[in-house]
Protein backbone atom coordinates (compact mmCIF):
# COMPACT_ATOMS: atom_id res chain seq x y z
CA MET A 1 102.76 2.95 82.02
CA LYS A 2 100.43 1.21 84.43
CA GLN A 3 101.50 0.52 87.98
CA ALA A 4 103.53 -2.69 87.94
CA PRO A 5 102.71 -5.50 90.39
CA LYS A 6 104.50 -5.05 93.71
CA GLY A 7 106.63 -8.16 93.26
CA ALA A 8 107.78 -7.19 89.78
CA PHE A 9 110.40 -4.71 90.93
CA ALA A 10 111.73 -7.16 93.51
CA THR A 11 112.16 -9.63 90.65
CA LEU A 12 113.95 -7.09 88.49
CA VAL A 13 116.61 -6.18 91.06
CA VAL A 14 117.97 -9.75 90.87
CA ILE A 15 119.60 -8.59 87.62
CA PHE A 16 121.38 -5.77 89.43
CA PHE A 17 122.76 -8.26 91.95
CA PHE A 18 124.28 -10.37 89.16
CA TRP A 19 126.04 -7.36 87.62
CA GLY A 20 127.71 -6.50 90.91
CA PHE A 21 128.61 -10.07 91.82
CA VAL A 22 130.47 -10.76 88.56
CA ALA A 23 132.13 -7.34 88.20
CA ALA A 24 133.69 -7.44 91.67
CA SER A 25 134.60 -11.14 91.42
CA ASN A 26 136.79 -10.38 88.41
CA ASP A 27 139.25 -8.75 90.84
CA ILE A 28 139.77 -12.17 92.42
CA LEU A 29 140.30 -13.85 89.05
CA ILE A 30 143.02 -11.38 88.04
CA PRO A 31 145.71 -12.44 90.58
CA VAL A 32 144.71 -16.12 90.24
CA PHE A 33 145.23 -16.27 86.47
CA LYS A 34 148.18 -13.87 86.65
CA ASP A 35 150.12 -16.33 88.78
CA ALA A 36 148.84 -19.53 87.18
CA LEU A 37 149.48 -18.40 83.60
CA LYS A 38 152.55 -16.22 84.33
CA LEU A 39 150.90 -13.09 82.98
CA SER A 40 152.30 -9.57 83.16
CA GLN A 41 150.27 -6.92 84.98
CA LEU A 42 149.24 -5.51 81.60
CA GLU A 43 148.05 -8.91 80.38
CA SER A 44 146.15 -9.56 83.61
CA GLN A 45 144.21 -6.33 83.12
CA LEU A 46 142.80 -7.74 79.88
CA ILE A 47 140.37 -9.60 82.16
CA SER A 48 138.74 -6.29 83.04
CA PHE A 49 139.15 -5.07 79.47
CA ALA A 50 137.28 -8.02 77.96
CA PHE A 51 134.41 -7.75 80.42
CA TYR A 52 133.81 -4.01 80.20
CA VAL A 53 134.40 -3.59 76.46
CA ALA A 54 131.63 -6.17 75.97
CA TYR A 55 129.18 -3.51 77.20
CA THR A 56 130.22 -1.24 74.35
CA VAL A 57 130.12 -3.98 71.73
CA GLY A 58 126.68 -5.00 72.99
CA SER A 59 125.40 -1.43 72.83
CA LEU A 60 126.77 -0.96 69.30
CA LEU A 61 125.15 -4.21 68.17
CA TYR A 62 121.90 -3.03 69.73
CA PHE A 63 122.04 0.25 67.78
CA LEU A 64 123.09 -1.49 64.55
CA ILE A 65 120.38 -4.17 64.63
CA SER A 66 117.73 -1.61 65.60
CA PHE A 67 118.88 0.60 62.73
CA ILE A 68 118.79 -2.24 60.20
CA LEU A 69 115.36 -3.45 61.36
CA LYS A 70 114.16 0.17 61.69
CA LYS A 71 112.59 -0.69 65.03
CA ASP A 72 113.77 -0.98 68.61
CA ILE A 73 114.87 -4.54 69.47
CA LEU A 74 113.34 -4.55 72.94
CA ASN A 75 110.04 -3.22 71.66
CA SER A 76 110.02 -6.15 69.22
CA LEU A 77 111.17 -8.87 71.62
CA GLY A 78 109.47 -7.52 74.71
CA TYR A 79 111.40 -6.60 77.85
CA ARG A 80 110.88 -9.96 79.55
CA ASN A 81 112.24 -11.80 76.50
CA GLY A 82 115.10 -9.30 76.26
CA LEU A 83 116.12 -9.87 79.87
CA ALA A 84 115.82 -13.64 79.44
CA LEU A 85 117.93 -13.54 76.25
CA GLY A 86 120.61 -11.47 77.98
CA LEU A 87 120.75 -13.97 80.84
CA ILE A 88 121.07 -16.93 78.45
CA ILE A 89 123.96 -15.19 76.62
CA SER A 90 125.70 -14.64 79.97
CA ALA A 91 125.11 -18.28 80.93
CA LEU A 92 126.81 -19.40 77.71
CA GLY A 93 129.80 -17.30 78.69
CA THR A 94 130.16 -19.13 82.02
CA LEU A 95 130.35 -22.46 80.14
CA LEU A 96 133.61 -21.31 78.55
CA PHE A 97 135.22 -21.44 82.00
CA ILE A 98 135.29 -25.25 81.68
CA PRO A 99 137.65 -25.47 78.68
CA ALA A 100 139.43 -22.29 79.83
CA SER A 101 140.48 -23.81 83.16
CA ASN A 102 141.02 -27.35 81.82
CA SER A 103 143.42 -26.13 79.14
CA SER A 104 144.78 -23.12 81.10
CA SER A 105 143.70 -20.95 78.17
CA PHE A 106 143.75 -17.20 78.77
CA ILE A 107 142.00 -16.58 75.45
CA LEU A 108 139.05 -18.79 76.45
CA LEU A 109 138.91 -17.12 79.87
CA ILE A 110 138.56 -13.61 78.52
CA SER A 111 136.20 -14.89 75.78
CA GLY A 112 133.97 -16.27 78.53
CA LEU A 113 134.01 -12.99 80.44
CA PHE A 114 133.38 -11.06 77.21
CA THR A 115 130.31 -13.22 76.52
CA VAL A 116 129.02 -12.73 80.06
CA GLY A 117 129.45 -8.95 79.64
CA LEU A 118 127.72 -9.07 76.25
CA GLY A 119 124.65 -10.55 77.92
CA PHE A 120 124.89 -7.97 80.68
CA SER A 121 124.82 -5.13 78.12
CA LEU A 122 121.39 -6.22 76.88
CA GLN A 123 120.22 -6.61 80.46
CA GLN A 124 121.49 -3.07 81.25
CA ILE A 125 119.61 -1.55 78.33
CA ALA A 126 116.39 -3.22 79.45
CA ALA A 127 116.62 -3.09 83.24
CA ASN A 128 117.55 0.56 83.85
CA PRO A 129 114.53 2.13 82.10
CA LEU A 130 112.26 -0.55 83.58
CA ALA A 131 113.44 0.28 87.09
CA ILE A 132 112.71 3.95 86.52
CA GLN A 133 109.25 3.44 85.01
CA MET A 134 107.87 0.63 87.18
CA GLY A 135 105.67 2.90 89.25
CA ASP A 136 105.45 6.61 90.03
CA PRO A 137 107.85 8.35 87.58
CA SER A 138 108.70 10.96 90.24
CA LYS A 139 110.19 8.20 92.37
CA GLY A 140 112.17 6.57 89.57
CA ASN A 141 115.52 7.68 91.02
CA MET A 142 114.59 6.12 94.36
CA ARG A 143 113.90 2.78 92.70
CA LEU A 144 117.17 3.00 90.76
CA SER A 145 118.95 3.86 94.01
CA LEU A 146 117.49 0.79 95.69
CA ALA A 147 118.51 -1.35 92.72
CA GLY A 148 122.00 0.13 93.00
CA GLY A 149 122.06 -0.89 96.65
CA ILE A 150 121.28 -4.48 95.66
CA ASN A 151 124.04 -4.24 93.04
CA ASN A 152 126.46 -3.34 95.82
CA VAL A 153 125.38 -6.29 97.93
CA GLY A 154 126.59 -8.40 95.00
CA THR A 155 129.88 -6.48 94.77
CA THR A 156 130.45 -6.93 98.51
CA ILE A 157 129.85 -10.67 98.81
CA GLY A 158 131.03 -11.69 95.32
CA PRO A 159 134.79 -11.50 96.02
CA VAL A 160 134.35 -13.32 99.33
CA ILE A 161 132.30 -16.19 97.89
CA VAL A 162 134.46 -16.63 94.78
CA SER A 163 137.64 -16.48 96.84
CA PHE A 164 136.29 -19.11 99.24
CA ALA A 165 135.22 -21.33 96.34
CA ILE A 166 138.67 -21.10 94.74
CA PHE A 167 140.96 -21.09 97.77
CA GLY A 168 138.81 -22.79 100.37
CA ALA A 169 139.43 -26.22 98.86
CA LEU A 170 143.15 -25.60 98.57
CA GLY A 171 143.86 -25.45 102.26
CA SER A 172 147.47 -24.53 102.84
CA GLU A 173 148.66 -25.70 99.42
CA LYS A 174 149.73 -22.34 98.03
CA SER A 175 152.55 -23.57 95.83
CA SER A 176 150.24 -24.76 93.06
CA LEU A 177 146.77 -23.73 92.03
CA ASN A 178 144.39 -26.02 90.21
CA LEU A 179 142.52 -23.73 87.83
CA GLU A 180 139.63 -26.20 87.72
CA SER A 181 138.56 -24.77 91.08
CA VAL A 182 137.56 -21.61 89.17
CA GLN A 183 134.86 -23.60 87.36
CA ILE A 184 132.65 -24.17 90.39
CA PRO A 185 131.49 -20.62 91.26
CA TYR A 186 130.97 -19.66 87.62
CA LEU A 187 129.08 -22.81 86.68
CA VAL A 188 126.80 -22.25 89.67
CA LEU A 189 126.38 -18.66 88.50
CA GLY A 190 125.59 -19.87 84.98
CA ALA A 191 122.89 -22.17 86.36
CA ALA A 192 121.49 -19.20 88.28
CA PHE A 193 121.41 -17.18 85.03
CA ILE A 194 119.37 -19.91 83.31
CA LEU A 195 116.91 -20.22 86.20
CA ALA A 196 116.54 -16.44 86.28
CA ALA A 197 115.93 -16.39 82.51
CA VAL A 198 113.07 -18.88 82.86
CA PHE A 199 111.75 -16.96 85.83
CA PHE A 200 111.78 -13.64 83.96
CA LYS A 201 110.09 -15.21 80.94
CA PHE A 202 107.03 -16.01 83.04
CA SER A 203 107.28 -13.18 85.59
CA SER A 204 105.07 -10.14 86.12
CA VAL A 205 107.83 -7.75 85.00
CA PRO A 206 106.29 -5.36 82.41
CA ASP A 207 106.88 -6.36 78.79
CA ARG A 208 106.55 -2.86 77.34
CA ILE A 209 107.34 0.69 78.40
CA ALA A 210 106.21 3.91 76.80
CA SER A 211 108.65 5.03 74.11
CA GLU A 212 109.59 8.70 73.90
CA THR A 213 111.85 8.37 70.89
CA SER A 214 111.42 7.58 67.24
CA SER A 215 111.38 3.95 66.17
CA ASN A 216 114.77 4.32 64.52
CA GLU A 217 117.12 4.97 67.46
CA GLY A 218 120.25 5.18 65.34
CA SER A 219 119.06 8.13 63.26
CA SER A 220 118.98 10.51 66.24
CA ILE A 221 122.49 9.80 67.56
CA SER A 222 124.16 12.66 65.69
CA GLN A 223 121.48 15.10 66.84
CA THR A 224 121.77 13.87 70.42
CA LEU A 225 125.54 14.35 70.45
CA LYS A 226 125.04 18.08 69.79
CA TYR A 227 124.30 18.51 73.49
CA PRO A 228 127.64 19.31 75.23
CA GLN A 229 126.42 17.98 78.59
CA LEU A 230 125.97 14.59 76.90
CA TRP A 231 129.22 14.16 74.96
CA MET A 232 131.22 15.55 77.85
CA GLY A 233 129.22 13.25 80.11
CA MET A 234 130.16 10.27 77.93
CA ILE A 235 133.83 11.03 78.56
CA ALA A 236 132.99 11.42 82.25
CA ILE A 237 131.34 7.97 82.38
CA PHE A 238 134.38 6.52 80.56
CA VAL A 239 136.90 7.88 83.08
CA TYR A 240 134.62 7.33 86.11
CA VAL A 241 134.15 3.61 85.43
CA GLY A 242 137.84 3.53 84.50
CA VAL A 243 139.14 4.88 87.81
CA GLU A 244 136.66 2.77 89.77
CA VAL A 245 137.58 -0.52 88.07
CA SER A 246 141.33 0.06 87.64
CA THR A 247 141.80 1.07 91.27
CA ALA A 248 140.25 -2.21 92.44
CA SER A 249 141.73 -4.49 89.79
CA ASN A 250 145.29 -3.29 90.44
CA LEU A 251 144.91 -3.44 94.23
CA PRO A 252 145.85 -7.16 94.59
CA GLU A 253 149.13 -6.60 92.71
CA PHE A 254 149.89 -3.49 94.78
CA MET A 255 149.34 -5.42 98.03
CA LYS A 256 151.44 -8.31 96.74
CA GLN A 257 154.39 -6.10 95.78
CA LYS A 258 154.33 -3.61 98.65
CA LEU A 259 152.88 -5.63 101.55
CA ASN A 260 153.69 -9.21 100.49
CA THR A 261 149.99 -10.06 100.78
CA PRO A 262 149.19 -13.50 99.32
CA LYS A 263 146.42 -13.60 96.73
CA GLU A 264 144.18 -15.76 98.94
CA ALA A 265 144.22 -13.04 101.63
CA VAL A 266 143.27 -10.11 99.39
CA ALA A 267 139.53 -10.91 99.10
CA PRO A 268 138.35 -8.90 102.16
CA PHE A 269 140.18 -5.82 100.89
CA VAL A 270 138.60 -6.12 97.44
CA SER A 271 135.27 -6.71 99.20
CA LEU A 272 135.76 -3.51 101.23
CA PHE A 273 136.46 -1.50 98.09
CA TRP A 274 133.16 -2.56 96.54
CA ALA A 275 131.36 -2.31 99.89
CA SER A 276 132.55 1.31 99.95
CA LEU A 277 130.30 2.01 96.97
CA MET A 278 127.40 0.55 98.95
CA ILE A 279 128.33 2.72 101.95
CA GLY A 280 128.39 5.87 99.83
CA ARG A 281 125.16 5.11 97.96
CA TRP A 282 123.26 4.24 101.10
CA THR A 283 124.47 7.47 102.71
CA SER A 284 123.25 9.53 99.76
CA ALA A 285 119.97 7.58 99.49
CA ALA A 286 118.85 8.86 102.89
CA GLY A 287 117.84 12.13 101.25
CA ALA A 288 115.40 10.37 98.92
CA PHE A 289 112.96 9.35 101.65
CA ASN A 290 109.86 11.44 102.31
CA ILE A 291 110.65 12.13 105.95
CA SER A 292 111.53 15.16 108.06
CA GLU A 293 114.90 16.84 107.64
CA SER A 294 116.00 15.82 111.13
CA ALA A 295 115.08 12.20 110.38
CA LYS A 296 117.01 12.36 107.10
CA THR A 297 120.06 13.64 108.98
CA ARG A 298 119.87 10.81 111.50
CA LEU A 299 119.37 8.27 108.73
CA SER A 300 122.32 9.58 106.70
CA LEU A 301 124.50 9.16 109.79
CA LEU A 302 123.21 5.65 110.49
CA LEU A 303 123.11 4.06 107.03
CA PRO A 304 126.85 4.15 106.25
CA PHE A 305 127.60 2.24 109.44
CA VAL A 306 124.82 -0.24 108.70
CA ALA A 307 126.40 -0.82 105.29
CA PHE A 308 129.85 -1.24 106.88
CA SER A 309 128.32 -3.73 109.31
CA ILE A 310 127.03 -5.82 106.38
CA PHE A 311 130.56 -5.92 104.97
CA ALA A 312 131.96 -6.86 108.38
CA LEU A 313 129.38 -9.60 108.93
CA VAL A 314 129.96 -11.21 105.53
CA ASN A 315 133.72 -11.28 106.06
CA LEU A 316 133.40 -12.43 109.67
CA ILE A 317 131.34 -15.40 108.49
CA ALA A 318 134.04 -16.10 105.88
CA GLY A 319 136.61 -16.28 108.69
CA HIS A 320 138.43 -12.99 108.08
CA ASP A 321 139.72 -10.68 110.81
CA VAL A 322 137.50 -7.60 110.52
CA THR A 323 139.14 -5.67 113.38
CA GLN A 324 141.89 -4.61 110.96
CA PHE A 325 139.31 -2.57 109.05
CA TYR A 326 138.10 -0.42 111.96
CA PRO A 327 140.50 2.48 111.13
CA TYR A 328 138.72 2.72 107.78
CA LEU A 329 135.70 4.13 109.63
CA PHE A 330 137.54 7.47 109.68
CA LEU A 331 137.06 7.69 105.90
CA VAL A 332 133.40 6.69 106.29
CA ILE A 333 132.92 9.65 108.67
CA LEU A 334 134.65 11.91 106.11
CA LEU A 335 132.23 10.69 103.44
CA SER A 336 129.23 11.42 105.68
CA ALA A 337 130.47 14.96 106.19
CA ALA A 338 130.94 15.43 102.43
CA ASP A 339 127.43 14.13 101.78
CA ALA A 340 125.99 16.63 104.26
CA ILE A 341 127.94 19.51 102.69
CA THR A 342 126.84 18.73 99.11
CA GLY A 343 123.20 18.10 100.05
CA GLY A 344 122.86 15.56 97.22
CA HIS A 345 123.14 18.19 94.44
CA PRO A 346 124.74 16.40 91.46
CA VAL A 347 127.14 19.20 90.47
CA LYS A 348 128.35 19.86 94.02
CA GLN A 349 128.63 16.18 94.81
CA LEU A 350 130.51 15.35 91.61
CA LEU A 351 133.00 18.18 92.21
CA THR A 352 133.50 17.48 95.93
CA TYR A 353 133.85 13.71 95.58
CA SER A 354 136.24 14.07 92.63
CA LEU A 355 138.52 16.32 94.67
CA LEU A 356 138.36 13.87 97.58
CA GLY A 357 139.18 11.04 95.17
CA ILE A 358 142.27 12.94 94.01
CA GLY A 359 143.30 13.42 97.64
CA ALA A 360 142.84 9.71 98.41
CA LEU A 361 144.91 8.58 95.42
CA ILE A 362 147.75 11.03 96.05
CA THR A 363 147.87 9.92 99.68
CA GLY A 364 148.03 6.28 98.55
CA ILE A 365 150.79 7.05 96.05
CA PHE A 366 153.10 8.66 98.61
CA ALA A 367 152.16 6.81 101.81
CA GLU A 368 153.20 3.31 102.85
CA GLY A 369 151.65 0.16 104.32
CA MET A 370 148.00 0.06 105.28
CA ILE A 371 147.63 3.83 104.92
CA SER A 372 148.19 3.40 101.19
CA VAL A 373 145.82 0.43 101.03
CA TYR A 374 143.01 2.24 102.84
CA SER A 375 143.58 5.35 100.72
CA PHE A 376 143.20 3.37 97.51
CA ILE A 377 140.15 1.53 98.90
CA GLY A 378 138.69 4.93 99.86
CA VAL A 379 138.36 5.67 96.14
CA GLY A 380 135.32 3.39 96.29
CA LEU A 381 133.64 5.77 98.74
CA PHE A 382 134.23 8.77 96.50
CA CYS A 383 133.15 6.93 93.34
CA SER A 384 129.94 5.74 94.99
CA THR A 385 127.48 8.36 93.73
CA LEU A 386 129.32 9.54 90.62
CA TRP A 387 127.30 7.31 88.26
CA PRO A 388 123.92 8.91 89.14
CA CYS A 389 125.50 12.38 89.25
CA ILE A 390 127.03 12.07 85.77
CA PHE A 391 123.96 10.30 84.39
CA THR A 392 121.64 13.01 85.72
CA LEU A 393 123.79 15.82 84.33
CA GLY A 394 124.45 14.06 81.01
CA ILE A 395 120.80 13.58 80.03
CA ALA A 396 119.48 16.83 81.53
CA GLY A 397 117.47 18.77 78.96
CA LEU A 398 117.60 16.08 76.24
CA GLY A 399 113.82 15.75 76.06
CA ASP A 400 112.74 13.15 73.50
CA LYS A 401 116.41 12.20 72.97
CA THR A 402 116.82 11.06 76.58
CA ASN A 403 116.67 7.33 75.81
CA THR A 404 119.28 7.61 73.06
CA GLY A 405 121.49 9.68 75.36
CA SER A 406 121.12 7.08 78.11
CA SER A 407 122.21 4.30 75.73
CA LEU A 408 125.25 6.32 74.67
CA LEU A 409 126.24 6.83 78.31
CA VAL A 410 125.90 3.10 79.05
CA MET A 411 128.15 2.40 76.06
CA MET A 412 131.00 4.26 77.77
CA ILE A 413 131.23 1.65 80.54
CA MET A 414 134.07 0.35 78.36
CA GLY A 415 136.31 2.80 80.23
CA GLY A 416 136.60 0.15 82.93
CA GLY A 417 138.57 -1.98 80.48
CA PHE A 418 140.69 0.64 78.73
CA ILE A 419 141.80 2.51 81.86
CA SER A 420 142.66 -0.77 83.62
CA VAL A 421 144.87 -1.84 80.71
CA LEU A 422 146.54 1.58 80.61
CA GLN A 423 147.34 1.45 84.32
CA GLY A 424 148.61 -2.12 83.98
CA TYR A 425 150.88 -1.08 81.11
CA LEU A 426 152.32 1.85 83.06
CA ALA A 427 152.78 -0.35 86.14
CA ASP A 428 154.76 -2.88 84.10
CA ASN A 429 156.88 -0.60 81.94
CA HIS A 430 157.22 2.90 83.34
CA LEU A 431 155.84 3.98 86.70
CA GLY A 432 155.66 0.87 88.87
CA ILE A 433 152.48 -0.32 90.54
CA GLN A 434 152.19 2.44 93.17
CA HIS A 435 152.79 5.41 90.88
CA SER A 436 150.57 3.89 88.20
CA TYR A 437 147.68 5.27 90.25
CA TRP A 438 148.42 8.70 88.75
CA VAL A 439 146.14 7.45 85.98
CA GLY A 440 143.26 7.60 88.46
CA VAL A 441 144.25 11.12 89.50
CA ALA A 442 143.94 12.23 85.86
CA CYS A 443 140.49 10.60 85.66
CA PHE A 444 139.25 12.43 88.74
CA ALA A 445 140.73 15.69 87.41
CA TYR A 446 138.52 15.43 84.32
CA LEU A 447 135.48 14.64 86.49
CA ALA A 448 136.13 17.78 88.54
CA PHE A 449 136.46 19.78 85.31
CA TYR A 450 133.18 18.31 84.00
CA ALA A 451 131.40 19.26 87.22
CA TYR A 452 132.74 22.80 86.91
CA ARG A 453 131.77 23.18 83.23
CA VAL A 454 128.42 21.41 83.12
CA GLY A 455 126.84 23.72 85.66
CA GLY A 456 127.38 26.69 83.33
CA ILE A 457 126.25 24.71 80.28
CA LEU A 458 122.94 23.77 81.87
CA LYS A 459 122.44 27.29 83.19
CA LYS A 460 122.73 28.67 79.64
CA GLN A 461 120.03 26.18 78.59
CA ASN A 462 117.80 27.38 81.47
CA ILE A 463 117.90 23.94 83.09
CA SER A 464 117.78 23.74 86.87
CA LEU A 465 118.52 20.55 88.76
CA GLU A 466 116.90 19.18 91.85
CA ALA A 467 119.02 17.23 94.31
CA THR A 468 118.96 13.63 93.28
CA SER A 469 120.45 10.26 94.03
CA GLY A 470 120.60 7.20 91.88
CA GLY A 471 121.72 3.68 91.32
CA GLY A 472 124.78 1.90 90.02
CA HIS A 473 126.06 0.43 86.74
């Protein structure tokens, strides 16, 4: 495609910010509605379930409608219209927060989040290929990495802003929570969705991209699934998003039960979890710049601390004590060392980070106090680059089936919902909240297995991989 206007990509990354802001803010909603509506831990995890399963439902609807019409929806609507439509759908979802909070209806709450996620699924399908193709194709991963960095800015500040909007007006009144306070941040977000939709409609974002697949996407799914790196990669995306989301969404309950942390004080810890993904992605992104090796080394050492400083600044402004998080810098140093050892190679990085994730979770399961908390939060560091690693390995060698394979991988984001519910169920009925994190250990074990197997699979297909880094979901 032709070189896109310079401002077009800057416009597009606004979408990535929204994804991160809402996804991380859900972790603040979980303890709020859990207490207000007297939900079990299993029931509270349906908040994550509704949001992430919407991605799968949206992807399936996309395939079904494209199959029925025998043409790709986005090629018919145009990418600008597709992005605008996705934003409008998400805005409609935020409106459901009004009756949900007024009537204390859990069904309306998760319906609202499901609708927001449904809009996000269409945005995902449109925005990811646009980010890759808006310019020099050889630098597509760099643009996706930058977009992922913006996504993580949203995940870092989202919990802080939403927590302030909900609890800031409550003062010291912790005995009762007026759910109507939940309306404010999401109605503002809905208004932002509508403004962004209008903006995208008339923006310079490209309306078409070159298609490498047949017009009937659905007909090639069975052929695409014959590639073992893809179907195994779909499972990997499922468990990766699962361990990432469930670790964060169960953290408030863990801190409540084991450290007696009130729900209004958990926001900076949730923020640090999602900031950890930013720290890891920025560290890995240093290798994508066209600079000398010594400069890359210096940059990879600097960027994680710059990212941590952004987290600290946001929480300092919000009035939180950031000095309590300084010990966490030990894990940041460990991540930097792991990044240097793997050199950005997707197989090595996926294997190394999965093993480190297992170590972090096991430490959290058997340790106590803040050591457990920081260990669980450290999972964010080791999940940080797994999306681009799995995505790169999953679509390697697919050729003209790459776009279909990419859509199938995006569909598996639903793991964030299913794994969260599973962990919530085990926390309620069998293992307790701390030992429920064995679910995450099993997820990382599969990711390590996938890293071990996929290298041999691609070698048999004579596919070699360059070191790469990428963005976020």
